[in-house]
Amino acid sequence: MLAVLSPGQGSQKPGFLTPWLDLTGAEARLRWWSALAGVDLVHLGTAADADEIRDTARTQPLLVAAALLAAEHLPMYDVTLTVGHSVGELGAAALAGVLPAEAAITLAGVRGREMAAACALEPTGMAAVLGGDPEEVLASIVAHGLHPANRNGAGQFVAAGSVEGLEKLAAEPPAKARVIRLKVAGAFHTPYMAPAETALAAVAAGITPSDPARILLSNLDGAAVNHGRDMVQRLVRQVTAPVRWDLCMRTLADLGVTGVIELPPAGTLAGLVKRELKGAGAPEVVTLNTPDDLPAARDLIARHGMAPGHEPTMHFRVVVAPSAGTFEPARELTEGDTLRAGQVVGHVATRQGPVEVTAHGSGVLTEWLAHHDDPVAPGQPLVRIGGHV
């Protein structure tokens, strides 16, 4: 199984899009997307310096555009799963078929502008906390009146909040941990961004999304999202909600992902995956930074993706939990059974009563991902359904 990762803010580098503009149609595409985003993506990706592309209002649409531009040169029909980090979720949602590319770019432009405006309301910031005991780190962040904005796994947290709180955290770091201030405009993924969430919600309400055509993970809880409208709501909530990249990587491992491609500007997420998913089952990773890396990325897809051919190809879909509770699979169903669209495959027992879980398409019940009386969270994968296409 192959996953494509879309990076978030902080991964950008001056001039990183320059080599991509040599590809036919790339510059025209960026100029069209620039009109939608309200920023000059060609200039930002080629000639702008580090300070200019650090501006949140510019960086966010630039990163989404870079991911989508590179993905146009990959056989995405063979990719099973997409996931993005922070603003990278917009790119991942587009690659999963939930949003048209134009909608993802437009939302990134709105998101960046509104988050930059929210940052200007009061002095806030972010700091990386590296190492230490995870529970002690989390307790220390909260004790200083800060928010755990990112839980990136591999021993990395990001604390966010008031400048005063960050200074106290740096002066009194958790045991065996380092605190490094980040050069960002404010406290992203915290309640400080509430005005930006409200503004983004007003624009996102006008979008008509599609359901994912491949597995799409959410930063909210690492779960596979089954419905397009749910994903749009999660994208809006993510402005103030923590990024749980640790849970996304756990889902990659649980689903048995064997190959990973990080889209440009690549490196950060690939590094986290390599540090977290180690050992015999570690996925093979390719970082896609320039067109010169495309052959390696295509080769990885050919070996780990679902290659087309004359024989029918098995495609998989995941049914997820509609609410929190305990899962009760349908007793009459076993792995290997044929399912029809809309068939009840189980229930989630909640305090308000049982909630039906239904197959969203026909196919073969390939694997139970949750079992009788397992506690489940909203959006958690429950059943894998396979179908020949």
Foldseek 3Di string as FASTA:
>chain_A
DEEEEQEDQPLDAEALCVQVVVDPPLLVVQVVLCVLLVHRLVCRNHPDHPVVCLQLLNVLLNSLSQQQSVCVLAPLVQHFEYEYFQSSLLNRCCSQQFAPSSVSSNLSNLLSVLQSVLLVPAPKFKKKKADDDVVQQCVLLVVLVWDQQEDQPLRITMTMDHPVSLVVCQVPPGPPIHIGTDPHSHGWQACSSVRSLVRSVVVLVPDDTAFGNHFYAAQQQLFTDGGSVVSSNSSSNRRNHHGYNVSVLVVCVLVLHAEYEYGPVDDPSQVSLPSHQDDPSRHHYFYDRHPVSVVVVNVRSVVRTFDDDPDWTKHKDFFWDQAWAFWAFDPVDDFFDWFAAFQFGTWGQDPVGTDTTTHRHTATQHDASHYGRHTHHHRHTGTMGIDTD
